[in-house]
C-alpha atoms as a PDB file:
ATOM      1  CA  MET A   1       0.000   0.000   0.000  1.00  0.00           C
ATOM      2  CA  THR A   2       2.852   2.386   0.756  1.00  0.00           C
ATOM      3  CA  GLN A   3       3.749   2.291  -2.968  1.00  0.00           C
ATOM      4  CA  GLU A   4       0.279   3.481  -4.034  1.00  0.00           C
ATOM      5  CA  PRO A   5       0.753   7.180  -4.921  1.00  0.00           C
ATOM      6  CA  ARG A   6      -2.608   8.351  -3.532  1.00  0.00           C
ATOM      7  CA  HIS A   7      -1.757   6.851  -0.116  1.00  0.00           C
ATOM      8  CA  ARG A   8       1.053   9.136   1.052  1.00  0.00           C
ATOM      9  CA  VAL A   9       2.942   8.089   4.189  1.00  0.00           C
ATOM     10  CA  VAL A  10       3.419  11.172   6.382  1.00  0.00           C
ATOM     11  CA  PHE A  11       4.837   9.402   9.444  1.00  0.00           C
ATOM     12  CA  GLU A  12       5.954   5.907  10.397  1.00  0.00           C
ATOM     13  CA  ASN A  13       7.620   4.246  13.360  1.00  0.00           C
ATOM     14  CA  ALA A  14       7.622   0.712  14.790  1.00  0.00           C
ATOM     15  CA  GLN A  15       4.157   1.171  16.313  1.00  0.00           C
ATOM     16  CA  PHE A  16       2.030   2.909  13.694  1.00  0.00           C
ATOM     17  CA  ARG A  17       1.906   4.504  10.267  1.00  0.00           C
ATOM     18  CA  ILE A  18      -0.018   7.672   9.309  1.00  0.00           C
ATOM     19  CA  LEU A  19      -1.282   8.069   5.748  1.00  0.00           C
ATOM     20  CA  ASP A  20      -2.723  11.019   3.850  1.00  0.00           C
ATOM     21  CA  VAL A  21      -5.202   9.480   1.389  1.00  0.00           C
ATOM     22  CA  ASN A  22      -6.262  11.808  -1.434  1.00  0.00           C
ATOM     23  CA  ILE A  23      -8.138  10.550  -4.497  1.00  0.00           C
ATOM     24  CA  PRO A  24      -9.084  13.398  -6.875  1.00  0.00           C
ATOM     25  CA  ALA A  25     -12.483  13.473  -8.536  1.00  0.00           C
ATOM     26  CA  GLY A  26     -12.603  11.008 -11.435  1.00  0.00           C
ATOM     27  CA  ASP A  27      -9.378   9.271 -10.377  1.00  0.00           C
ATOM     28  CA  THR A  28      -8.756   5.611  -9.534  1.00  0.00           C
ATOM     29  CA  THR A  29      -6.065   4.171  -7.263  1.00  0.00           C
ATOM     30  CA  LEU A  30      -3.756   1.374  -8.279  1.00  0.00           C
ATOM     31  CA  ASP A  31      -4.495  -2.086  -6.948  1.00  0.00           C
ATOM     32  CA  HIS A  32      -3.020  -2.203  -3.449  1.00  0.00           C
ATOM     33  CA  SER A  33      -3.152  -4.484  -0.413  1.00  0.00           C
ATOM     34  CA  HIS A  34      -3.688  -3.970   3.329  1.00  0.00           C
ATOM     35  CA  ASP A  35      -2.292  -6.325   5.965  1.00  0.00           C
ATOM     36  CA  ARG A  36      -2.733  -4.323   9.195  1.00  0.00           C
ATOM     37  CA  ASP A  37      -5.848  -2.952  10.887  1.00  0.00           C
ATOM     38  CA  ILE A  38      -6.525   0.625   9.843  1.00  0.00           C
ATOM     39  CA  ALA A  39      -8.563   3.518  11.263  1.00  0.00           C
ATOM     40  CA  THR A  40      -9.703   6.283   8.921  1.00  0.00           C
ATOM     41  CA  VAL A  41     -11.202   9.741   9.422  1.00  0.00           C
ATOM     42  CA  SER A  42     -13.010  11.480   6.575  1.00  0.00           C
ATOM     43  CA  MET A  43     -11.400  14.844   5.833  1.00  0.00           C
ATOM     44  CA  SER A  44     -13.860  15.716   3.068  1.00  0.00           C
ATOM     45  CA  SER A  45     -17.558  15.289   2.401  1.00  0.00           C
ATOM     46  CA  GLY A  46     -19.680  14.556  -0.617  1.00  0.00           C
ATOM     47  CA  ALA A  47     -17.302  12.246  -2.519  1.00  0.00           C
ATOM     48  CA  ASP A  48     -18.847   9.232  -4.259  1.00  0.00           C
ATOM     49  CA  THR A  49     -16.590   6.166  -4.331  1.00  0.00           C
ATOM     50  CA  ARG A  50     -16.710   2.511  -5.249  1.00  0.00           C
ATOM     51  CA  GLY A  51     -14.278  -0.361  -4.805  1.00  0.00           C
ATOM     52  CA  GLN A  52     -13.110  -3.372  -6.766  1.00  0.00           C
ATOM     53  CA  SER A  53     -11.299  -6.481  -5.529  1.00  0.00           C
ATOM     54  CA  PRO A  54      -9.099  -8.425  -7.978  1.00  0.00           C
ATOM     55  CA  GLY A  55     -11.213 -10.505 -10.366  1.00  0.00           C
ATOM     56  CA  GLN A  56     -14.476  -9.055  -9.052  1.00  0.00           C
ATOM     57  CA  PRO A  57     -16.916  -6.479 -10.466  1.00  0.00           C
ATOM     58  CA  TRP A  58     -17.056  -2.961  -9.108  1.00  0.00           C
ATOM     59  CA  SER A  59     -19.063  -2.534  -5.936  1.00  0.00           C
ATOM     60  CA  PRO A  60     -22.099  -0.238  -5.878  1.00  0.00           C
ATOM     61  CA  VAL A  61     -21.323   3.391  -5.050  1.00  0.00           C
ATOM     62  CA  ARG A  62     -20.748   3.632  -1.305  1.00  0.00           C
ATOM     63  CA  PRO A  63     -22.659   5.964   1.007  1.00  0.00           C
ATOM     64  CA  ARG A  64     -20.939   9.328   1.296  1.00  0.00           C
ATOM     65  CA  ARG A  65     -18.817   9.783   4.412  1.00  0.00           C
ATOM     66  CA  PRO A  66     -19.511  13.045   6.288  1.00  0.00           C
ATOM     67  CA  LEU A  67     -16.628  15.235   7.395  1.00  0.00           C
ATOM     68  CA  GLY A  68     -15.082  13.723  10.538  1.00  0.00           C
ATOM     69  CA  ASN A  69     -16.698  10.305  10.052  1.00  0.00           C
ATOM     70  CA  ALA A  70     -14.524   7.552  11.544  1.00  0.00           C
ATOM     71  CA  GLY A  71     -14.153   3.967  10.402  1.00  0.00           C
ATOM     72  CA  VAL A  72     -12.072   0.925  11.346  1.00  0.00           C
ATOM     73  CA  THR A  73     -11.246  -2.001   9.050  1.00  0.00           C
ATOM     74  CA  GLU A  74      -9.610  -5.229  10.262  1.00  0.00           C
ATOM     75  CA  TYR A  75      -6.943  -6.611   7.933  1.00  0.00           C
ATOM     76  CA  ALA A  76      -4.395  -8.232  10.285  1.00  0.00           C
ATOM     77  CA  GLY A  77      -4.544 -11.993   9.719  1.00  0.00           C
ATOM     78  CA  LYS A  78      -6.891 -11.542   6.749  1.00  0.00           C
ATOM     79  CA  PRO A  79      -5.179  -9.208   4.262  1.00  0.00           C
ATOM     80  CA  GLY A  80      -7.170  -7.726   1.415  1.00  0.00           C
ATOM     81  CA  SER A  81      -6.483  -6.111  -1.955  1.00  0.00           C
ATOM     82  CA  HIS A  82      -8.570  -3.615  -3.882  1.00  0.00           C
ATOM     83  CA  ARG A  83      -8.638  -0.404  -5.825  1.00  0.00           C
ATOM     84  CA  ILE A  84     -10.881   2.614  -5.255  1.00  0.00           C
ATOM     85  CA  GLU A  85     -12.472   4.894  -7.825  1.00  0.00           C
ATOM     86  CA  ASN A  86     -13.763   8.375  -7.029  1.00  0.00           C
ATOM     87  CA  VAL A  87     -16.789   8.682  -9.289  1.00  0.00           C
ATOM     88  CA  GLY A  88     -17.895  11.974  -7.702  1.00  0.00           C
ATOM     89  CA  ALA A  89     -17.137  15.611  -8.379  1.00  0.00           C
ATOM     90  CA  THR A  90     -15.088  16.345  -5.227  1.00  0.00           C
ATOM     91  CA  PRO A  91     -11.852  14.867  -3.814  1.00  0.00           C
ATOM     92  CA  TYR A  92     -12.006  11.877  -1.472  1.00  0.00           C
ATOM     93  CA  GLN A  93      -9.659  12.568   1.450  1.00  0.00           C
ATOM     94  CA  LEU A  94      -8.880  10.475   4.519  1.00  0.00           C
ATOM     95  CA  PHE A  95      -6.562  10.723   7.519  1.00  0.00           C
ATOM     96  CA  ALA A  96      -5.566   7.099   8.108  1.00  0.00           C
ATOM     97  CA  VAL A  97      -3.636   5.333  10.871  1.00  0.00           C
ATOM     98  CA  GLU A  98      -2.354   1.765  10.592  1.00  0.00           C
ATOM     99  CA  ASN A  99      -1.701  -0.120  13.826  1.00  0.00           C
ATOM    100  CA  LEU A 100       1.421  -2.108  12.959  1.00  0.00           C
ATOM    101  CA  ARG A 101       0.898  -4.533  15.842  1.00  0.00           C
ATOM    102  CA  PRO A 102      -0.302  -7.835  14.288  1.00  0.00           C
ATOM    103  CA  GLY A 103      -2.149  -8.987  17.434  1.00  0.00           C
ATOM    104  CA  ASN A 104      -2.242  -8.987  21.253  1.00  0.00           C
ATOM    105  CA  TRP A 105      -4.049  -5.656  21.307  1.00  0.00           C
ATOM    106  CA  SER A 106      -4.694  -3.849  24.584  1.00  0.00           C
ATOM    107  CA  ALA A 107      -7.834  -4.629  26.591  1.00  0.00           C
ATOM    108  CA  SER A 108      -7.773  -1.402  28.646  1.00  0.00           C
ATOM    109  CA  ALA A 109     -11.056   0.345  29.425  1.00  0.00           C
ATOM    110  CA  PRO A 110     -12.206   3.296  27.288  1.00  0.00           C
ATOM    111  CA  LEU A 111     -11.761   6.806  28.652  1.00  0.00           C
ATOM    112  CA  THR A 112     -14.508   9.229  29.597  1.00  0.00           C
ATOM    113  CA  ALA A 113     -14.164  13.016  29.448  1.00  0.00           C
ATOM    114  CA  ALA A 114     -16.238  16.129  28.848  1.00  0.00           C
ATOM    115  CA  GLY A 115     -17.090  16.693  25.201  1.00  0.00           C
ATOM    116  CA  THR A 116     -15.620  13.309  24.280  1.00  0.00           C
ATOM    117  CA  THR A 117     -17.624  10.465  22.721  1.00  0.00           C
ATOM    118  CA  LEU A 118     -16.448   6.957  21.854  1.00  0.00           C
ATOM    119  CA  ALA A 119     -17.254   6.992  18.134  1.00  0.00           C
ATOM    120  CA  ILE A 120     -16.089   3.520  17.147  1.00  0.00           C
ATOM    121  CA  GLU A 121     -14.203   0.634  18.715  1.00  0.00           C
ATOM    122  CA  GLY A 122     -12.283  -2.202  17.085  1.00  0.00           C
ATOM    123  CA  ARG A 123      -9.798  -4.762  18.260  1.00  0.00           C
ATOM    124  CA  ALA A 124      -6.803  -2.536  17.366  1.00  0.00           C
ATOM    125  CA  PHE A 125      -8.300   0.951  17.871  1.00  0.00           C
ATOM    126  CA  ARG A 126     -10.661   3.141  19.802  1.00  0.00           C
ATOM    127  CA  VAL A 127     -11.705   6.357  18.076  1.00  0.00           C
ATOM    128  CA  TYR A 128     -13.075   9.304  20.057  1.00  0.00           C
ATOM    129  CA  ASP A 129     -14.984  12.312  18.762  1.00  0.00           C
ATOM    130  CA  VAL A 130     -14.148  15.530  20.656  1.00  0.00           C
ATOM    131  CA  ARG A 131     -16.321  18.637  20.251  1.00  0.00           C
ATOM    132  CA  LEU A 132     -15.326  21.962  21.795  1.00  0.00           C
ATOM    133  CA  VAL A 133     -18.024  24.650  21.735  1.00  0.00           C
ATOM    134  CA  PRO A 134     -18.635  27.985  23.505  1.00  0.00           C
ATOM    135  CA  THR A 135     -20.328  26.189  26.412  1.00  0.00           C
ATOM    136  CA  LEU A 136     -17.448  23.679  26.666  1.00  0.00           C
ATOM    137  CA  SER A 137     -14.198  25.275  25.549  1.00  0.00           C
ATOM    138  CA  GLN A 138     -11.759  22.708  26.995  1.00  0.00           C
ATOM    139  CA  THR A 139     -11.428  19.106  28.090  1.00  0.00           C
ATOM    140  CA  SER A 140      -8.776  16.925  29.728  1.00  0.00           C
ATOM    141  CA  HIS A 141      -8.194  13.180  29.891  1.00  0.00           C
ATOM    142  CA  VAL A 142      -5.529  10.479  30.088  1.00  0.00           C
ATOM    143  CA  HIS A 143      -5.220   7.861  27.366  1.00  0.00           C
ATOM    144  CA  ARG A 144      -4.311   4.384  28.591  1.00  0.00           C
ATOM    145  CA  ALA A 145      -2.679   3.706  25.227  1.00  0.00           C
ATOM    146  CA  ALA A 146      -0.703   5.813  22.762  1.00  0.00           C
ATOM    147  CA  SER A 147      -2.993   8.012  20.661  1.00  0.00           C
ATOM    148  CA  ILE A 148      -3.056  10.448  17.759  1.00  0.00           C
ATOM    149  CA  ALA A 149      -5.291  13.541  17.802  1.00  0.00           C
ATOM    150  CA  VAL A 150      -6.178  15.069  14.415  1.00  0.00           C
ATOM    151  CA  LEU A 151      -7.978  18.358  13.789  1.00  0.00           C
ATOM    152  CA  VAL A 152     -11.066  18.026  11.597  1.00  0.00           C
ATOM    153  CA  SER A 153     -12.365  21.605  11.740  1.00  0.00           C
ATOM    154  CA  GLY A 154     -11.968  24.809  13.725  1.00  0.00           C
ATOM    155  CA  GLN A 155      -8.851  25.476  15.776  1.00  0.00           C
ATOM    156  CA  ALA A 156      -7.554  24.015  19.038  1.00  0.00           C
ATOM    157  CA  ILE A 157      -4.538  24.010  21.320  1.00  0.00           C
ATOM    158  CA  SER A 158      -3.279  20.591  22.362  1.00  0.00           C
ATOM    159  CA  GLU A 159      -1.217  20.459  25.533  1.00  0.00           C
ATOM    160  CA  GLY A 160       0.680  17.391  26.713  1.00  0.00           C
ATOM    161  CA  ALA A 161       4.108  15.990  27.501  1.00  0.00           C
ATOM    162  CA  GLU A 162       6.986  17.916  25.953  1.00  0.00           C
ATOM    163  CA  GLY A 163       9.378  14.968  25.782  1.00  0.00           C
ATOM    164  CA  LYS A 164      10.056  13.901  22.212  1.00  0.00           C
ATOM    165  CA  PRO A 165       9.812  10.157  21.511  1.00  0.00           C
ATOM    166  CA  ASP A 166      12.700   8.512  19.705  1.00  0.00           C
ATOM    167  CA  ALA A 167      11.343   8.697  16.180  1.00  0.00           C
ATOM    168  CA  LYS A 168      12.619   9.851  12.782  1.00  0.00           C
ATOM    169  CA  PRO A 169      11.337  12.289  11.717  1.00  0.00           C
ATOM    170  CA  PRO A 170      10.278  13.624  15.141  1.00  0.00           C
ATOM    171  CA  MET A 171       6.543  13.435  15.651  1.00  0.00           C
ATOM    172  CA  PRO A 172       4.612  16.455  16.977  1.00  0.00           C
ATOM    173  CA  VAL A 173       4.081  16.147  20.743  1.00  0.00           C
ATOM    174  CA  GLY A 174       3.464  18.469  23.677  1.00  0.00           C
ATOM    175  CA  LEU A 175       2.069  21.996  23.315  1.00  0.00           C
ATOM    176  CA  LYS A 176       0.831  22.438  19.738  1.00  0.00           C
ATOM    177  CA  GLN A 177      -1.570  24.731  17.935  1.00  0.00           C
ATOM    178  CA  LEU A 178      -3.828  22.815  15.566  1.00  0.00           C
ATOM    179  CA  VAL A 179      -5.068  25.411  13.102  1.00  0.00           C
ATOM    180  CA  GLN A 180      -5.374  23.538   9.801  1.00  0.00           C
ATOM    181  CA  PRO A 181      -7.514  20.450   9.150  1.00  0.00           C
ATOM    182  CA  GLY A 182      -5.312  17.359   9.106  1.00  0.00           C
ATOM    183  CA  GLN A 183      -2.755  18.681  11.605  1.00  0.00           C
ATOM    184  CA  TRP A 184      -2.093  16.063  14.249  1.00  0.00           C
ATOM    185  CA  VAL A 185      -0.289  15.497  17.531  1.00  0.00           C
ATOM    186  CA  PHE A 186       0.924  12.342  19.287  1.00  0.00           C
ATOM    187  CA  ILE A 187      -0.262  11.623  22.831  1.00  0.00           C
ATOM    188  CA  PRO A 188       2.017   9.194  24.751  1.00  0.00           C
ATOM    189  CA  GLN A 189       0.490   6.418  26.804  1.00  0.00           C
ATOM    190  CA  GLY A 190      -0.468   7.502  30.328  1.00  0.00           C
ATOM    191  CA  GLU A 191       0.136  11.208  29.707  1.00  0.00           C
ATOM    192  CA  SER A 192      -2.448  13.830  30.613  1.00  0.00           C
ATOM    193  CA  HIS A 193      -3.850  15.480  27.485  1.00  0.00           C
ATOM    194  CA  HIS A 194      -5.582  18.862  27.469  1.00  0.00           C
ATOM    195  CA  LEU A 195      -7.517  20.329  24.521  1.00  0.00           C
ATOM    196  CA  VAL A 196      -8.632  23.968  24.396  1.00  0.00           C
ATOM    197  CA  ARG A 197     -10.836  25.611  21.775  1.00  0.00           C
ATOM    198  CA  PHE A 198      -8.845  28.294  19.950  1.00  0.00           C
ATOM    199  CA  GLY A 199     -10.416  31.153  18.012  1.00  0.00           C
ATOM    200  CA  VAL A 200     -14.087  32.021  17.709  1.00  0.00           C
ATOM    201  CA  GLY A 201     -15.586  28.914  16.113  1.00  0.00           C
ATOM    202  CA  ASP A 202     -16.269  25.394  17.348  1.00  0.00           C
ATOM    203  CA  ALA A 203     -13.403  22.885  17.246  1.00  0.00           C
ATOM    204  CA  HIS A 204     -13.756  19.268  16.146  1.00  0.00           C
ATOM    205  CA  VAL A 205     -10.922  16.844  16.965  1.00  0.00           C
ATOM    206  CA  VAL A 206     -10.801  13.085  16.449  1.00  0.00           C
ATOM    207  CA  GLU A 207      -8.503  11.024  18.688  1.00  0.00           C
ATOM    208  CA  ILE A 208      -7.331   7.600  17.520  1.00  0.00           C
ATOM    209  CA  GLU A 209      -6.172   5.349  20.346  1.00  0.00           C
ATOM    210  CA  LEU A 210      -3.838   2.462  19.445  1.00  0.00           C
ATOM    211  CA  ARG A 211      -4.874  -0.615  21.397  1.00  0.00           C
END
């Protein structure tokens, strides 16, 4: 999959891989395979897509994914190959995280925090939807497993541990302003994480917890 040009790897270490998936309107990916569980967050809305597995007909056009919609697909132990066609008039964009652990995923309990909803849960991920609004401008919590927070809309300040994990290139951690959709920050396991709404509008953040 990492050789498919519309799946751009933006970060990778021994634990996870982050991909920027961007399929322009009318474009089709190359055939590619997945062999690790993957969590995706829709960074666009209104794109019409369909998929095709090798030797099979095209699937019907899939339901459109709203902005910020999260999904988890299980591939570890049951790899799959396909290609995707964007048959719509707008780009199809995803923020995607692969959990590179092939098994023995964490069984820790989900977190609870103000403005934070467990959106979807799989064997290798938990995905939380965080909404910061004028009546709730900040929230704090501790993830029991390493996590990635990505900005979907609005602006937010993410505050956490300032220590930089041993990774090349260095991943964003600690105090960060998230002001553009798709900007992300790493939250180490067991560290307190604080999100504050920044600016005048609502802020929407999705947090992907690696189990």
